[in-house]
Protein backbone atom coordinates (compact mmCIF):
# COMPACT_ATOMS: atom_id res chain seq x y z
CA UNK A 1 0.00 0.00 0.00
CA UNK A 2 1.39 3.39 -1.02
CA UNK A 3 2.03 5.95 1.74
CA UNK A 4 -0.44 8.79 2.11
CA UNK A 5 0.59 12.44 1.56
CA UNK A 6 0.37 12.95 5.33
CA UNK A 7 2.75 10.04 5.95
CA UNK A 8 5.15 11.40 3.33
CA UNK A 9 5.16 14.84 4.98
CA UNK A 10 5.78 13.29 8.38
CA UNK A 11 8.56 11.15 6.91
CA UNK A 12 10.36 14.23 5.56
CA UNK A 13 9.94 15.93 8.94
CA UNK A 14 11.48 12.85 10.56
CA UNK A 15 14.34 12.97 8.04
CA UNK A 16 15.03 16.61 8.92
CA UNK A 17 15.18 15.68 12.62
CA UNK A 18 17.71 12.97 11.76
CA UNK A 19 19.88 15.49 9.92
CA UNK A 20 19.79 17.96 12.81
CA UNK A 21 20.30 15.71 15.80
CA UNK A 22 22.63 13.12 14.31
CA UNK A 23 24.96 15.97 13.39
CA UNK A 24 25.42 16.61 17.11
CA UNK A 25 25.64 13.02 18.35
CA UNK A 26 29.20 12.56 17.07
CA UNK A 27 30.29 15.24 19.53
CA UNK A 28 28.22 13.71 22.34
CA UNK A 29 29.70 10.27 21.66
CA UNK A 30 33.23 11.66 21.72
CA UNK A 31 32.58 13.29 25.10
CA UNK A 32 30.86 10.16 26.37
CA UNK A 33 33.70 7.75 25.52
CA UNK A 34 36.14 9.98 27.40
CA UNK A 35 34.13 9.60 30.60
CA UNK A 36 32.13 6.32 30.42
CA UNK A 37 32.48 2.70 29.22
CA UNK A 38 32.13 3.09 25.42
CA UNK A 39 30.05 0.04 24.51
CA UNK A 40 28.30 -0.41 27.85
CA UNK A 41 27.12 3.13 28.56
CA UNK A 42 27.58 5.26 25.44
CA UNK A 43 25.96 2.67 23.17
CA UNK A 44 24.32 -0.37 24.82
CA UNK A 45 22.58 0.88 27.94
CA UNK A 46 21.26 4.06 26.37
CA UNK A 47 19.58 2.11 23.57
CA UNK A 48 18.03 -0.35 26.02
CA UNK A 49 16.61 2.51 28.07
CA UNK A 50 15.47 4.47 25.01
CA UNK A 51 13.84 1.35 23.53
CA UNK A 52 11.91 0.62 26.74
CA UNK A 53 10.71 4.23 26.94
CA UNK A 54 9.63 4.25 23.28
CA UNK A 55 7.77 0.94 23.60
CA UNK A 56 6.05 2.21 26.76
CA UNK A 57 4.91 5.35 24.93
CA UNK A 58 3.55 3.27 22.03
CA UNK A 59 1.71 0.93 24.43
CA UNK A 60 0.30 3.85 26.42
CA UNK A 61 -1.18 5.25 23.21
CA UNK A 62 -2.94 1.94 22.59
CA UNK A 63 -0.94 0.93 19.52
CA UNK A 64 -0.09 -2.77 19.14
CA UNK A 65 3.46 -4.00 19.66
CA UNK A 66 5.19 -6.16 17.01
CA UNK A 67 4.02 -9.79 17.01
CA UNK A 68 6.34 -12.40 18.50
CA UNK A 69 6.97 -13.98 15.10
CA UNK A 70 8.53 -10.70 13.94
CA UNK A 71 10.99 -10.53 16.85
CA UNK A 72 13.81 -12.43 15.07
CA UNK A 73 13.72 -9.87 12.26
CA UNK A 74 13.87 -6.98 14.73
CA UNK A 75 16.71 -8.72 16.57
CA UNK A 76 18.64 -8.98 13.29
CA UNK A 77 18.05 -5.29 12.60
CA UNK A 78 19.12 -4.49 16.15
CA UNK A 79 22.37 -6.37 15.57
CA UNK A 80 23.06 -4.72 12.20
CA UNK A 81 22.02 -1.13 12.96
CA UNK A 82 22.64 -0.82 16.70
CA UNK A 83 25.24 -3.52 17.35
CA UNK A 84 27.41 -2.92 14.28
CA UNK A 85 26.09 0.43 13.11
CA UNK A 86 26.35 2.30 16.41
CA UNK A 87 28.56 0.01 18.50
CA UNK A 88 31.45 0.04 16.04
CA UNK A 89 31.20 3.83 15.65
CA UNK A 90 31.22 4.42 19.41
CA UNK A 91 34.19 2.09 19.84
CA UNK A 92 36.08 3.92 17.06
CA UNK A 93 35.51 7.38 18.52
CA UNK A 94 37.83 6.53 21.40
CA UNK A 95 40.64 7.42 18.97
CA UNK A 96 39.06 9.04 15.90
CA UNK A 97 37.93 12.68 16.36
CA UNK A 98 34.19 13.34 16.16
CA UNK A 99 34.44 15.50 13.01
CA UNK A 100 36.61 12.96 11.18
CA UNK A 101 34.25 10.16 12.26
CA UNK A 102 31.29 12.07 10.81
CA UNK A 103 33.05 12.53 7.47
CA UNK A 104 33.99 8.84 7.36
CA UNK A 105 30.36 7.94 8.05
CA UNK A 106 29.53 10.10 5.02
CA UNK A 107 30.52 7.00 3.03
CA UNK A 108 27.12 5.56 3.98
CA UNK A 109 25.51 6.16 0.53
CA UNK A 110 28.43 4.32 -1.06
CA UNK A 111 27.79 1.29 1.12
CA UNK A 112 24.05 1.47 0.48
CA UNK A 113 24.56 1.50 -3.28
CA UNK A 114 27.06 -1.35 -3.01
CA UNK A 115 24.68 -3.45 -0.92
CA UNK A 116 21.85 -2.74 -3.36
CA UNK A 117 24.03 -3.87 -6.28
CA UNK A 118 24.73 -7.22 -4.60
CA UNK A 119 21.07 -8.02 -3.97
CA UNK A 120 19.15 -10.07 -6.60
CA UNK A 121 16.56 -7.32 -7.07
CA UNK A 122 18.99 -4.46 -6.50
CA UNK A 123 20.07 -1.79 -8.94
CA UNK A 124 23.38 -2.44 -10.71
CA UNK A 125 26.30 -0.02 -10.34
CA UNK A 126 26.87 2.11 -13.44
CA UNK A 127 30.23 3.42 -14.67
CA UNK A 128 29.81 6.96 -13.38
CA UNK A 129 28.59 5.62 -10.05
CA UNK A 130 31.70 3.45 -9.84
CA UNK A 131 33.83 6.50 -10.63
CA UNK A 132 32.09 8.42 -7.84
CA UNK A 133 32.57 5.54 -5.41
CA UNK A 134 36.28 5.31 -6.19
CA UNK A 135 36.65 9.08 -5.84
CA UNK A 136 34.87 9.02 -2.49
CA UNK A 137 36.99 6.19 -1.12
CA UNK A 138 40.14 8.01 -2.30
CA UNK A 139 38.98 10.94 -0.18
CA UNK A 140 38.43 8.61 2.79
CA UNK A 141 41.96 7.23 2.44
CA UNK A 142 43.40 10.75 2.30
CA UNK A 143 41.39 11.74 5.36
CA UNK A 144 42.55 8.67 7.29
CA UNK A 145 46.20 9.33 6.40
CA UNK A 146 45.93 12.95 7.52
CA UNK A 147 44.19 11.91 10.71
CA UNK A 148 47.10 9.58 11.45
CA UNK A 149 49.50 12.53 11.09
CA UNK A 150 47.57 14.81 13.43
CA UNK A 151 46.31 12.28 15.98
CA UNK A 152 47.96 11.76 19.35
CA UNK A 153 46.57 8.20 19.57
CA UNK A 154 48.74 5.21 18.51
CA UNK A 155 48.71 4.56 14.75
CA UNK A 156 47.30 1.05 15.16
CA UNK A 157 44.33 2.29 17.19
CA UNK A 158 43.52 5.05 14.70
CA UNK A 159 43.62 2.53 11.84
CA UNK A 160 41.44 0.12 13.78
CA UNK A 161 39.03 2.97 14.45
CA UNK A 162 38.83 3.91 10.77
CA UNK A 163 38.14 0.28 9.83
CA UNK A 164 35.51 0.01 12.57
CA UNK A 165 33.69 3.06 11.19
CA UNK A 166 33.46 1.44 7.76
CA UNK A 167 32.19 -1.75 9.44
CA UNK A 168 29.60 0.49 11.09
CA UNK A 169 28.56 1.85 7.68
CA UNK A 170 28.35 -1.66 6.23
CA UNK A 171 26.12 -2.89 9.06
CA UNK A 172 23.89 0.16 8.76
CA UNK A 173 23.58 -0.21 4.98
CA UNK A 174 22.68 -3.91 5.15
CA UNK A 175 20.20 -3.21 7.94
CA UNK A 176 18.57 -0.38 5.98
CA UNK A 177 18.20 -2.56 2.88
CA UNK A 178 16.72 -5.40 4.94
CA UNK A 179 14.36 -3.04 6.77
CA UNK A 180 13.07 -1.58 3.51
CA UNK A 181 12.48 -4.98 1.91
CA UNK A 182 10.86 -6.54 4.94
CA UNK A 183 8.70 -3.61 5.98
CA UNK A 184 5.65 -4.83 7.88
CA UNK A 185 2.31 -3.18 8.53
CA UNK A 186 3.23 -2.38 12.12
CA UNK A 187 3.86 0.77 14.11
CA UNK A 188 7.24 2.18 13.00
CA UNK A 189 8.02 3.51 16.50
CA UNK A 190 7.19 0.18 18.14
CA UNK A 191 9.51 -1.51 15.64
CA UNK A 192 12.26 1.02 16.42
CA UNK A 193 11.83 0.42 20.15
CA UNK A 194 12.16 -3.35 19.73
CA UNK A 195 15.26 -2.96 17.58
CA UNK A 196 16.86 -0.63 20.13
CA UNK A 197 16.21 -3.08 22.97
CA UNK A 198 17.60 -6.07 21.08
CA UNK A 199 20.61 -4.15 19.76
CA UNK A 200 21.29 -2.53 23.13
CA UNK A 201 21.29 -5.92 24.87
CA UNK A 202 23.78 -7.27 22.33
CA UNK A 203 26.16 -4.33 22.71
CA UNK A 204 25.90 -4.38 26.51
CA UNK A 205 26.67 -8.12 26.50
CA UNK A 206 29.79 -7.43 24.44
CA UNK A 207 30.74 -4.71 26.94
CA UNK A 208 30.42 -7.14 29.85
CA UNK A 209 32.59 -9.73 28.07
CA UNK A 210 35.24 -7.05 27.47
CA UNK A 211 35.26 -6.06 31.14
CA UNK A 212 34.39 -2.41 30.51
CA UNK A 213 32.34 -2.02 33.69
CA UNK A 214 35.37 -2.43 35.97
CA UNK A 215 36.36 1.16 35.14
CA UNK A 216 32.87 2.65 35.56
CA UNK A 217 32.78 6.06 37.23
CA UNK A 218 30.15 8.75 36.81
CA UNK A 219 30.93 12.37 35.97
CA UNK A 220 28.58 15.26 35.27
CA UNK A 221 30.07 15.71 31.79
CA UNK A 222 29.70 12.02 30.95
CA UNK A 223 26.15 11.72 32.24
CA UNK A 224 25.05 14.82 30.33
CA UNK A 225 26.44 13.31 27.13
CA UNK A 226 24.74 9.97 27.94
CA UNK A 227 21.39 11.68 28.60
CA UNK A 228 21.65 13.70 25.39
CA UNK A 229 22.35 10.55 23.39
CA UNK A 230 19.35 8.77 24.92
CA UNK A 231 16.92 11.56 24.06
CA UNK A 232 18.23 12.99 20.80
CA UNK A 233 20.41 10.20 19.43
CA UNK A 234 18.10 7.27 20.18
CA UNK A 235 14.54 8.35 21.06
CA UNK A 236 14.33 11.17 18.51
CA UNK A 237 17.08 10.27 16.05
CA UNK A 238 16.77 6.50 15.60
CA UNK A 239 12.97 6.49 15.83
CA UNK A 240 12.81 9.25 13.20
CA UNK A 241 15.22 7.33 10.96
CA UNK A 242 13.10 4.16 11.10
CA UNK A 243 9.95 6.18 10.37
CA UNK A 244 11.56 8.00 7.42
CA UNK A 245 12.93 4.71 6.07
CA UNK A 246 9.45 3.17 6.13
CA UNK A 247 7.92 5.80 3.83
CA UNK A 248 10.84 7.23 1.80
CA UNK A 249 13.31 5.61 -0.63
CA UNK A 250 16.56 4.35 0.92
CA UNK A 251 18.58 6.60 -1.42
CA UNK A 252 16.65 9.65 -0.22
CA UNK A 253 17.02 8.82 3.46
CA UNK A 254 20.76 8.20 3.03
CA UNK A 255 21.23 11.82 1.97
CA UNK A 256 21.42 12.78 5.64
CA UNK A 257 25.08 11.82 5.25
CA UNK A 258 25.59 14.95 3.11
CA UNK A 259 24.53 17.21 5.96
CA UNK A 260 25.73 15.68 9.22
CA UNK A 261 29.52 15.91 8.54
CA UNK A 262 29.49 19.67 8.07
CA UNK A 263 27.95 20.51 11.43
CA UNK A 264 29.85 17.70 13.17
CA UNK A 265 33.19 19.05 11.97
CA UNK A 266 32.28 22.58 13.10
CA UNK A 267 31.15 21.38 16.53
CA UNK A 268 34.24 19.20 17.01
CA UNK A 269 36.55 22.07 16.11
CA UNK A 270 34.76 24.68 18.21
CA UNK A 271 33.83 22.65 21.30
CA UNK A 272 36.63 20.08 21.57
CA UNK A 273 39.28 22.02 19.61
CA UNK A 274 39.84 19.07 17.27
CA UNK A 275 42.39 19.78 14.56
CA UNK A 276 41.02 20.24 11.06
CA UNK A 277 43.79 20.84 8.54
CA UNK A 278 43.61 22.14 4.94
CA UNK A 279 44.37 18.59 3.73
CA UNK A 280 41.37 17.33 5.68
CA UNK A 281 39.25 20.01 4.02
CA UNK A 282 40.43 18.78 0.61
CA UNK A 283 39.61 15.20 1.62
CA UNK A 284 36.10 16.24 2.67
CA UNK A 285 35.64 18.01 -0.66
CA UNK A 286 36.71 14.88 -2.54
CA UNK A 287 34.33 12.69 -0.55
CA UNK A 288 31.37 15.02 -1.06
CA UNK A 289 32.17 15.33 -4.77
CA UNK A 290 32.13 11.56 -5.06
CA UNK A 291 28.77 11.47 -3.30
CA UNK A 292 27.33 14.07 -5.69
CA UNK A 293 28.52 12.06 -8.72
CA UNK A 294 26.97 8.89 -7.33
CA UNK A 295 23.65 10.52 -6.50
CA UNK A 296 23.32 12.45 -9.79
CA UNK A 297 24.09 9.32 -11.79
CA UNK A 298 21.44 7.39 -9.88
CA UNK A 299 18.85 10.14 -10.29
CA UNK A 300 19.56 10.51 -14.03
CA UNK A 301 19.27 6.78 -14.56
CA UNK A 302 15.94 6.54 -12.74
CA UNK A 303 14.48 9.47 -14.65
């Protein structure tokens, strides 16, 4: 069944909220991992709490929760989008600056197009799209090399962080493609809540196995970042993303990756005084140019 004009308008509003608030979560994550267990608090526990709150709100409004037979699908999405998508990003931001992380996540449309091309019913990659993908990844490599030069963290950890961010993008892209193809006639916010709970439990379990909680100590700065991530990163951001994904094309929703890096870089530079060199600016320009080539090629082909 095609979405109604009202649902489309709400979906675009949700997409705008994603662009605004996910631009700021990179900074909040960076602050959080400096003060709290990365996987346990900054990722896992906040998604569990946000998921419970969201499900409670849905239930209080009288909307049905997802049927038990759909739980395995939501658990898979929780693993892909929360476990890999957010968990890997949070882990990486221990060493990769928030602004650089945001730009690396800007590779998301590349991953989405690549995942689509590998699916039986997906759209094949065209020559200009391939050129844009290669250009974008060249920019990512340049950005990673420059980050290694300016970072105070050990080279191995920075490299591991950069790889983890691309693993995050891969998980998010696969999850988005699966979510779009297996969309059910169920409340989008209830589905988001279930996915957050499942994904949060998985990430928290990984945190416990890694022994993160031995170093737990609460600070005002850390708890403010954690609270911000619960409300604006999970409750508002993730729920809005799931809603937008239900009613808008994946390619359209993925365009948030054009917007979030710009504000994230500005915030990281201003608030945390992260270094942003002219070479990094060139790398960002190359990445965004690659994204434009990919998107314009796709739009021209569809028209």
